Amino acid sequence: KAVARRNRMAGLWAAPLLGKDDAEAYARDLAAVDLAHPGDAERKLRTDFDAAGVAQTDEQIHRKMAELLSEAMAQIENG
C-alpha cells in the first residue's frame, strides 16, 4: 500500500517536470506500471526524464523515491 502511494506521489512530483498536462493521469500510469512489474516505477521515471531531456540523475530519482516512501508510510500510519 505504501509503495503504491509512493508511486502516485512520485508521478505527481514528476509530471510537471516532464511537462505533463494531466498529473493525475501520469501518477496513475506510474503506479500501474509498478503494480504490474514491481520496481519499474524508477525505471519508467528514468526513461521518461531522459526522453523529455530533464536532468535528473539516478541518485536524485532514487533519493526522491525513498523520501516519498517515508512520507507515504507516515501518511498510512497517521490515517
Protein backbone atom coordinates (compact mmCIF):
# COMPACT_ATOMS: atom_id res chain seq x y z
CA LYS A 1 0.00 0.00 0.00
CA ALA A 2 2.82 2.40 0.87
CA VAL A 3 4.67 1.64 -2.36
CA ALA A 4 1.54 2.30 -4.43
CA ARG A 5 1.04 5.60 -2.62
CA ARG A 6 4.70 6.48 -3.11
CA ASN A 7 4.45 5.81 -6.82
CA ARG A 8 1.37 8.01 -7.14
CA MET A 9 3.17 10.79 -5.24
CA ALA A 10 6.22 10.32 -7.47
CA GLY A 11 4.01 10.70 -10.52
CA LEU A 12 2.57 13.94 -9.15
CA TRP A 13 6.11 15.19 -8.48
CA ALA A 14 7.45 14.19 -11.89
CA ALA A 15 4.52 15.22 -14.09
CA PRO A 16 5.22 18.98 -14.07
CA LEU A 17 8.94 18.37 -14.59
CA LEU A 18 8.04 16.28 -17.64
CA GLY A 19 5.59 18.86 -18.96
CA LYS A 20 2.59 16.55 -18.48
CA ASP A 21 -0.73 18.39 -18.56
CA ASP A 22 -2.57 15.71 -16.58
CA ALA A 23 -0.52 14.98 -13.48
CA GLU A 24 -3.18 12.67 -12.05
CA ALA A 25 -3.17 10.52 -15.18
CA TYR A 26 0.62 10.29 -15.16
CA ALA A 27 0.57 9.39 -11.45
CA ARG A 28 -1.97 6.61 -12.12
CA ASP A 29 0.12 5.32 -15.03
CA LEU A 30 3.29 5.25 -12.93
CA ALA A 31 1.52 3.41 -10.12
CA ALA A 32 0.04 0.91 -12.59
CA VAL A 33 3.44 0.20 -14.16
CA ASP A 34 4.93 -0.65 -10.79
CA LEU A 35 1.92 -2.72 -9.78
CA ALA A 36 2.31 -4.85 -12.91
CA HIS A 37 6.11 -5.08 -12.57
CA PRO A 38 7.43 -4.18 -9.10
CA GLY A 39 10.40 -1.85 -9.28
CA ASP A 40 9.56 -0.48 -12.71
CA ALA A 41 8.45 2.93 -11.41
CA GLU A 42 12.03 4.17 -11.05
CA ARG A 43 12.96 2.75 -14.46
CA LYS A 44 9.95 4.45 -16.04
CA LEU A 45 10.88 7.75 -14.41
CA ARG A 46 14.46 7.41 -15.71
CA THR A 47 13.21 6.66 -19.23
CA ASP A 48 10.64 9.47 -19.18
CA PHE A 49 13.12 12.03 -17.82
CA ASP A 50 15.65 11.05 -20.48
CA ALA A 51 13.04 11.23 -23.26
CA ALA A 52 11.94 14.69 -22.07
CA GLY A 53 15.51 15.95 -21.67
CA VAL A 54 15.02 16.51 -17.93
CA ALA A 55 18.26 16.45 -15.97
CA GLN A 56 17.63 14.05 -13.09
CA THR A 57 20.38 11.65 -12.05
CA ASP A 58 19.64 8.09 -10.95
CA GLU A 59 20.68 9.16 -7.44
CA GLN A 60 18.22 12.08 -7.44
CA ILE A 61 15.39 9.83 -8.57
CA HIS A 62 16.27 7.15 -6.03
CA ARG A 63 16.57 9.71 -3.23
CA LYS A 64 13.18 11.25 -4.12
CA MET A 65 11.55 7.81 -4.23
CA ALA A 66 12.98 6.98 -0.78
CA GLU A 67 11.76 10.32 0.59
CA LEU A 68 8.29 9.76 -0.84
CA LEU A 69 8.15 6.21 0.54
CA SER A 70 8.86 7.56 4.03
CA GLU A 71 6.15 10.17 3.55
CA ALA A 72 3.69 7.56 2.25
CA MET A 73 4.34 5.27 5.23
CA ALA A 74 3.82 8.16 7.64
CA GLN A 75 0.54 9.07 5.94
CA ILE A 76 -0.70 5.49 6.24
CA GLU A 77 0.35 5.24 9.89
CA ASN A 78 -1.39 8.51 10.71
CA GLY A 79 -4.57 7.55 8.91
